[in-house]
Amino acid sequence: MLKRSLNQNSEEPKFSVSPAAEDIAPGQGTLGQEAWRKFRRNRQALFGSVVLLIIVLSVLLGLFIYSTPINKIDFAQSAHPPSWEHPFGTNDLGQDILARLLYGGRISIAVGIFSMLVAILLGTFIGAISGFYGGLLDMMLMRFTDLCLALPRLPLLLLVIFLFRDPIKAIAGQEVGIFVLIVLIVGGLNWMGVARLVRSGFLTVREMEFVTAARALGASPQRLIWVHILPNVMSPVLVAATLSVSNAIITESTLSFFGLGFPPDVPTWGRMLYDGQNFLEFAPHMVLFPGTAIFLTVLSINYIGDGLRDALDARLS
């Protein structure tokens, strides 16, 4: 009885209980770890990453495994449906669609990536200068940006390609010249949204205390722009970069569909759609496979862009 009474009167020991691992995980790691945690929770973003990885590996390594010539003409195999010999069928010239699809994917994805780089570099430079200096320079640059946004892109793109295609081909060669021209024009018509994003970020970050402290310590305007402010406004730019890749791929496909892109012997996905449009009734596979490749690539990139936007947004847990 005495032992029981003592146990009842004695105070229970108090222990500090640590929170569960899942309770401390959000917000406790570095910014990169937190962004990765959010990104991998997004099933659509993971799906897009896996599909895009498969597509990229296929176009980079596929022709080493499937070594059928892309421009071999065989009229005896003209417009044949998919078979063991030609898994994706053949086109009107008897050329293997799978081989041309793998080869064309390299060009279409390269156009998307390099066009994105042009748009990001140009938009970041204009947006940074505009947002940092403000005043009259900001007004002039933003009015120029608004003017570029107001221009009809597709007619302007077709006009510029039509005017400069032959001079560029004469200087750099047919395939390389068309590639450079398309990259510069597509990237040059997609920088405006990036410029607005960067300018908006600069207007916010340039008034923060760490920027004021760096300015008081004698940091030059160039150092303030590229070292102190720009790294803090790159999150929306990364999202815009992913979406710019998909826009560039669609634009290149549109140009090739109108016959103003790469020549017939360079099988980009858009050019394959253009070549197969007259054979839809009896050979729909000629447009089915390149169309599906464009659809899956653009969809995957958009899913990744949405995942990055959610992962890099500090307001979302």
Protein backbone atom coordinates (compact mmCIF):
# COMPACT_ATOMS: atom_id res chain seq x y z
CA MET A 1 0.00 0.00 0.00
CA LEU A 2 2.80 2.35 0.90
CA LYS A 3 4.52 1.68 -2.41
CA ARG A 4 1.32 2.30 -4.32
CA SER A 5 0.68 5.55 -2.41
CA LEU A 6 4.14 6.78 -3.09
CA ASN A 7 3.71 6.02 -6.75
CA GLN A 8 0.44 7.92 -6.83
CA ASN A 9 1.85 10.97 -5.05
CA SER A 10 5.09 11.11 -6.94
CA GLU A 11 5.21 13.36 -9.93
CA GLU A 12 5.44 11.68 -13.30
CA PRO A 13 8.68 12.45 -15.10
CA LYS A 14 8.32 14.94 -17.89
CA PHE A 15 10.08 14.30 -21.16
CA SER A 16 10.37 16.61 -24.12
CA VAL A 17 8.80 14.86 -27.09
CA SER A 18 10.44 15.57 -30.39
CA PRO A 19 8.14 16.01 -33.37
CA ALA A 20 7.87 13.28 -35.91
CA ALA A 21 10.15 13.29 -38.91
CA GLU A 22 7.35 14.14 -41.27
CA ASP A 23 6.48 17.15 -39.10
CA ILE A 24 9.92 18.69 -39.27
CA ALA A 25 10.69 17.83 -42.86
CA PRO A 26 8.77 20.70 -44.52
CA GLY A 27 10.64 23.95 -44.21
CA GLN A 28 13.59 22.46 -42.29
CA GLY A 29 15.97 21.66 -45.15
CA THR A 30 17.78 23.87 -47.58
CA LEU A 31 15.91 25.69 -50.32
CA GLY A 32 16.96 23.07 -52.84
CA GLN A 33 15.84 20.19 -50.62
CA GLU A 34 12.52 21.89 -49.94
CA ALA A 35 11.94 22.51 -53.65
CA TRP A 36 12.76 18.89 -54.48
CA ARG A 37 10.39 17.67 -51.77
CA LYS A 38 7.56 19.70 -53.28
CA PHE A 39 8.46 18.71 -56.84
CA ARG A 40 8.48 14.97 -56.20
CA ARG A 41 5.07 15.20 -54.51
CA ASN A 42 3.65 16.49 -57.81
CA ARG A 43 2.69 13.36 -59.74
CA GLN A 44 2.15 15.22 -62.99
CA ALA A 45 5.62 16.76 -62.78
CA LEU A 46 7.20 13.37 -62.11
CA PHE A 47 5.24 11.85 -65.00
CA GLY A 48 6.41 14.65 -67.29
CA SER A 49 10.01 14.20 -66.16
CA VAL A 50 9.96 10.45 -66.86
CA VAL A 51 8.30 10.84 -70.27
CA LEU A 52 10.64 13.66 -71.30
CA LEU A 53 13.67 11.65 -70.17
CA ILE A 54 12.51 8.69 -72.27
CA ILE A 55 11.98 10.93 -75.30
CA VAL A 56 15.38 12.62 -74.96
CA LEU A 57 17.23 9.33 -74.49
CA SER A 58 15.36 7.85 -77.45
CA VAL A 59 16.28 10.64 -79.87
CA LEU A 60 19.89 10.75 -78.63
CA LEU A 61 20.58 7.02 -78.58
CA GLY A 62 17.85 5.54 -80.75
CA LEU A 63 19.65 5.78 -84.08
CA PHE A 64 22.62 3.86 -82.66
CA ILE A 65 20.27 0.96 -81.94
CA TYR A 66 17.85 1.40 -84.84
CA SER A 67 20.27 2.20 -87.63
CA THR A 68 17.90 2.36 -90.61
CA PRO A 69 18.87 5.17 -93.05
CA ILE A 70 16.55 8.15 -92.75
CA ASN A 71 16.53 9.18 -96.43
CA LYS A 72 16.61 5.79 -98.14
CA ILE A 73 13.89 5.84 -100.81
CA ASP A 74 12.02 2.60 -101.59
CA PHE A 75 8.86 3.12 -103.63
CA ALA A 76 8.01 -0.56 -103.23
CA GLN A 77 7.42 0.20 -99.52
CA SER A 78 5.55 3.45 -100.13
CA ALA A 79 3.09 4.43 -97.35
CA HIS A 80 3.14 0.98 -95.74
CA PRO A 81 1.47 0.70 -92.33
CA PRO A 82 3.47 -0.31 -89.24
CA SER A 83 5.10 -3.74 -89.47
CA TRP A 84 7.96 -5.72 -87.96
CA GLU A 85 10.33 -4.35 -90.58
CA HIS A 86 9.12 -0.76 -90.13
CA PRO A 87 7.61 -0.41 -86.62
CA PHE A 88 6.09 3.02 -87.37
CA GLY A 89 5.46 2.36 -91.05
CA THR A 90 6.86 4.27 -94.03
CA ASN A 91 6.05 7.55 -95.74
CA ASP A 92 5.08 8.21 -99.34
CA LEU A 93 8.70 7.72 -100.46
CA GLY A 94 9.14 4.46 -98.61
CA GLN A 95 11.35 6.04 -95.95
CA ASP A 96 11.25 4.62 -92.44
CA ILE A 97 9.18 6.85 -90.16
CA LEU A 98 10.75 5.65 -86.91
CA ALA A 99 14.26 6.50 -88.08
CA ARG A 100 13.14 9.91 -89.31
CA LEU A 101 11.23 10.50 -86.06
CA LEU A 102 14.32 9.79 -83.97
CA TYR A 103 16.50 12.02 -86.14
CA GLY A 104 13.96 14.82 -86.29
CA GLY A 105 13.52 14.78 -82.53
CA ARG A 106 17.10 15.93 -82.10
CA ILE A 107 16.49 18.98 -84.25
CA SER A 108 13.09 19.85 -82.78
CA ILE A 109 14.33 19.60 -79.18
CA ALA A 110 17.55 21.48 -80.04
CA VAL A 111 15.49 24.28 -81.59
CA GLY A 112 13.40 24.43 -78.41
CA ILE A 113 16.41 24.55 -76.08
CA PHE A 114 18.47 27.11 -78.00
CA SER A 115 15.44 29.31 -78.68
CA MET A 116 14.71 29.23 -74.97
CA LEU A 117 18.27 30.34 -74.21
CA VAL A 118 17.95 33.28 -76.61
CA ALA A 119 14.63 34.32 -75.07
CA ILE A 120 15.88 33.95 -71.48
CA LEU A 121 19.13 35.84 -72.05
CA LEU A 122 17.47 38.70 -73.93
CA GLY A 123 14.49 38.94 -71.59
CA THR A 124 16.63 38.74 -68.46
CA PHE A 125 18.97 41.49 -69.67
CA ILE A 126 16.17 43.90 -70.64
CA GLY A 127 14.10 43.16 -67.53
CA ALA A 128 17.10 43.56 -65.20
CA ILE A 129 18.16 46.90 -66.69
CA SER A 130 14.59 48.17 -66.70
CA GLY A 131 13.78 47.10 -63.16
CA PHE A 132 17.04 48.26 -61.60
CA TYR A 133 17.38 51.74 -63.10
CA GLY A 134 13.71 52.63 -63.46
CA GLY A 135 12.67 56.09 -64.57
CA LEU A 136 12.76 57.05 -68.24
CA LEU A 137 14.81 54.02 -69.24
CA ASP A 138 12.28 51.72 -67.61
CA MET A 139 9.41 53.43 -69.40
CA MET A 140 11.12 53.22 -72.80
CA LEU A 141 12.06 49.57 -72.44
CA MET A 142 8.61 48.55 -71.22
CA ARG A 143 6.87 50.44 -74.03
CA PHE A 144 9.13 48.65 -76.48
CA THR A 145 8.19 45.37 -74.80
CA ASP A 146 4.49 46.22 -75.10
CA LEU A 147 4.99 47.02 -78.78
CA CYS A 148 6.63 43.64 -79.37
CA LEU A 149 3.79 41.92 -77.52
CA ALA A 150 1.24 43.67 -79.72
CA LEU A 151 2.80 42.45 -82.96
CA PRO A 152 1.12 39.43 -84.58
CA ARG A 153 3.75 36.76 -84.03
CA LEU A 154 2.92 34.15 -86.62
CA PRO A 155 2.58 36.50 -89.63
CA LEU A 156 5.73 38.35 -88.54
CA LEU A 157 7.57 35.06 -88.09
CA LEU A 158 6.54 33.84 -91.54
CA LEU A 159 7.54 37.15 -93.11
CA VAL A 160 10.99 37.24 -91.50
CA ILE A 161 11.67 33.60 -92.39
CA PHE A 162 10.61 34.23 -95.98
CA LEU A 163 12.82 37.35 -96.32
CA PHE A 164 16.00 36.07 -94.65
CA ARG A 165 15.93 32.36 -95.42
CA ASP A 166 17.93 32.52 -98.66
CA PRO A 167 20.62 34.98 -97.44
CA ILE A 168 21.22 32.93 -94.30
CA LYS A 169 21.42 29.69 -96.28
CA ALA A 170 23.96 31.28 -98.62
CA ILE A 171 26.15 32.32 -95.67
CA ALA A 172 25.95 29.32 -93.31
CA GLY A 173 24.66 26.51 -95.52
CA GLN A 174 21.15 25.18 -95.87
CA GLU A 175 20.61 23.12 -92.71
CA VAL A 176 22.76 25.18 -90.33
CA GLY A 177 21.48 28.48 -91.74
CA ILE A 178 17.83 27.53 -91.30
CA PHE A 179 18.55 26.25 -87.78
CA VAL A 180 20.27 29.47 -86.72
CA LEU A 181 17.58 31.63 -88.31
CA ILE A 182 14.72 29.76 -86.65
CA VAL A 183 16.46 29.81 -83.25
CA LEU A 184 17.14 33.54 -83.40
CA ILE A 185 13.69 34.49 -84.63
CA VAL A 186 11.71 32.18 -82.34
CA GLY A 187 13.81 33.21 -79.34
CA GLY A 188 13.62 36.87 -80.38
CA LEU A 189 9.82 36.74 -80.35
CA ASN A 190 9.45 35.08 -76.93
CA TRP A 191 11.55 37.24 -74.59
CA MET A 192 8.84 39.72 -73.59
CA GLY A 193 7.23 37.64 -70.87
CA VAL A 194 10.62 36.91 -69.31
CA ALA A 195 11.48 40.62 -69.32
CA ARG A 196 8.29 41.46 -67.45
CA LEU A 197 8.91 38.74 -64.86
CA VAL A 198 12.49 39.87 -64.22
CA ARG A 199 11.51 43.54 -64.05
CA SER A 200 8.78 42.78 -61.52
CA GLY A 201 11.22 40.84 -59.36
CA PHE A 202 13.83 43.60 -59.55
CA LEU A 203 11.33 46.24 -58.47
CA THR A 204 10.67 44.22 -55.32
CA VAL A 205 14.15 42.97 -54.44
CA ARG A 206 16.07 46.20 -55.09
CA GLU A 207 14.38 47.84 -52.08
CA MET A 208 15.30 45.06 -49.63
CA GLU A 209 17.75 45.59 -46.81
CA PHE A 210 20.56 43.37 -48.10
CA VAL A 211 20.63 45.34 -51.36
CA THR A 212 20.70 48.61 -49.44
CA ALA A 213 23.55 47.26 -47.32
CA ALA A 214 25.50 46.15 -50.40
CA ARG A 215 25.00 49.58 -51.97
CA ALA A 216 26.20 51.28 -48.77
CA LEU A 217 29.34 49.12 -48.83
CA GLY A 218 30.17 50.46 -52.27
CA ALA A 219 28.94 47.69 -54.57
CA SER A 220 28.80 48.80 -58.20
CA PRO A 221 25.48 48.76 -60.10
CA GLN A 222 26.73 45.82 -62.17
CA ARG A 223 27.48 43.81 -59.03
CA LEU A 224 24.15 44.73 -57.49
CA ILE A 225 22.30 43.59 -60.61
CA TRP A 226 24.07 40.33 -61.45
CA VAL A 227 25.32 39.17 -58.03
CA HIS A 228 22.88 40.42 -55.41
CA ILE A 229 19.49 40.87 -57.09
CA LEU A 230 19.31 38.56 -60.11
CA PRO A 231 19.84 35.25 -58.21
CA ASN A 232 16.86 36.16 -56.03
CA VAL A 233 14.45 36.62 -58.96
CA MET A 234 15.37 33.53 -61.00
CA SER A 235 12.63 31.22 -59.73
CA PRO A 236 9.89 32.48 -62.10
CA VAL A 237 12.47 32.71 -64.88
CA LEU A 238 13.20 28.97 -64.56
CA VAL A 239 9.50 28.23 -64.93
CA ALA A 240 9.28 30.52 -67.95
CA ALA A 241 12.29 28.75 -69.45
CA THR A 242 10.56 25.37 -69.44
CA LEU A 243 7.45 26.82 -71.06
CA SER A 244 9.59 28.61 -73.66
CA VAL A 245 10.98 25.26 -74.80
CA SER A 246 7.51 23.89 -75.51
CA ASN A 247 6.47 27.12 -77.28
CA ALA A 248 9.57 26.97 -79.48
CA ILE A 249 8.92 23.34 -80.43
CA ILE A 250 5.35 24.19 -81.43
CA THR A 251 6.52 27.25 -83.37
CA GLU A 252 9.14 25.26 -85.28
CA SER A 253 6.53 22.62 -86.07
CA THR A 254 4.19 25.34 -87.33
CA LEU A 255 6.88 26.79 -89.58
CA SER A 256 7.72 23.37 -90.99
CA PHE A 257 4.02 22.64 -91.47
CA PHE A 258 3.74 25.77 -93.61
CA GLY A 259 6.80 24.68 -95.60
CA LEU A 260 9.02 27.52 -94.31
CA GLY A 261 11.13 25.48 -91.93
CA PHE A 262 13.77 22.91 -92.66
CA PRO A 263 14.13 21.39 -96.16
CA PRO A 264 12.43 18.05 -97.04
CA ASP A 265 15.59 16.01 -96.47
CA VAL A 266 15.77 17.21 -92.84
CA PRO A 267 12.94 15.33 -91.09
CA THR A 268 11.84 17.48 -88.17
CA TRP A 269 8.58 16.55 -86.50
CA GLY A 270 6.80 19.52 -88.02
CA ARG A 271 8.14 18.71 -91.48
CA MET A 272 6.86 15.13 -91.13
CA LEU A 273 3.40 16.50 -90.37
CA TYR A 274 3.61 18.72 -93.43
CA ASP A 275 4.69 15.83 -95.64
CA GLY A 276 1.92 13.56 -94.38
CA GLN A 277 -1.03 15.95 -94.52
CA ASN A 278 -2.03 14.82 -98.02
CA PHE A 279 -2.05 11.14 -97.05
CA LEU A 280 -4.36 11.23 -94.03
CA GLU A 281 -7.10 9.16 -95.68
CA PHE A 282 -5.07 6.04 -96.47
CA ALA A 283 -1.86 6.50 -94.43
CA PRO A 284 -2.78 8.23 -91.14
CA HIS A 285 0.31 6.79 -89.44
CA MET A 286 2.41 9.36 -91.33
CA VAL A 287 1.03 12.14 -89.11
CA LEU A 288 0.02 10.07 -86.07
CA PHE A 289 3.53 9.35 -84.79
CA PRO A 290 5.15 12.79 -85.27
CA GLY A 291 2.00 14.43 -83.91
CA THR A 292 2.10 12.17 -80.86
CA ALA A 293 5.79 12.95 -80.34
CA ILE A 294 5.08 16.70 -80.36
CA PHE A 295 2.10 16.26 -78.05
CA LEU A 296 3.95 14.15 -75.46
CA THR A 297 7.03 16.39 -75.48
CA VAL A 298 5.08 19.61 -75.04
CA LEU A 299 2.78 18.08 -72.43
CA SER A 300 5.73 16.75 -70.43
CA ILE A 301 7.52 20.10 -70.49
CA ASN A 302 4.37 21.90 -69.39
CA TYR A 303 3.90 19.45 -66.51
CA ILE A 304 7.52 20.02 -65.45
CA GLY A 305 6.99 23.78 -65.65
CA ASP A 306 3.91 23.55 -63.43
CA GLY A 307 5.83 21.40 -60.97
CA LEU A 308 8.71 23.87 -60.84
CA ARG A 309 6.31 26.76 -60.31
CA ASP A 310 4.74 25.00 -57.32
CA ALA A 311 8.09 23.83 -55.94
CA LEU A 312 9.73 27.24 -56.11
CA ASP A 313 6.75 29.12 -54.66
CA ALA A 314 7.56 29.73 -51.00
CA ARG A 315 3.88 30.34 -50.22
CA LEU A 316 3.03 26.69 -50.91
CA SER A 317 3.92 24.15 -48.20
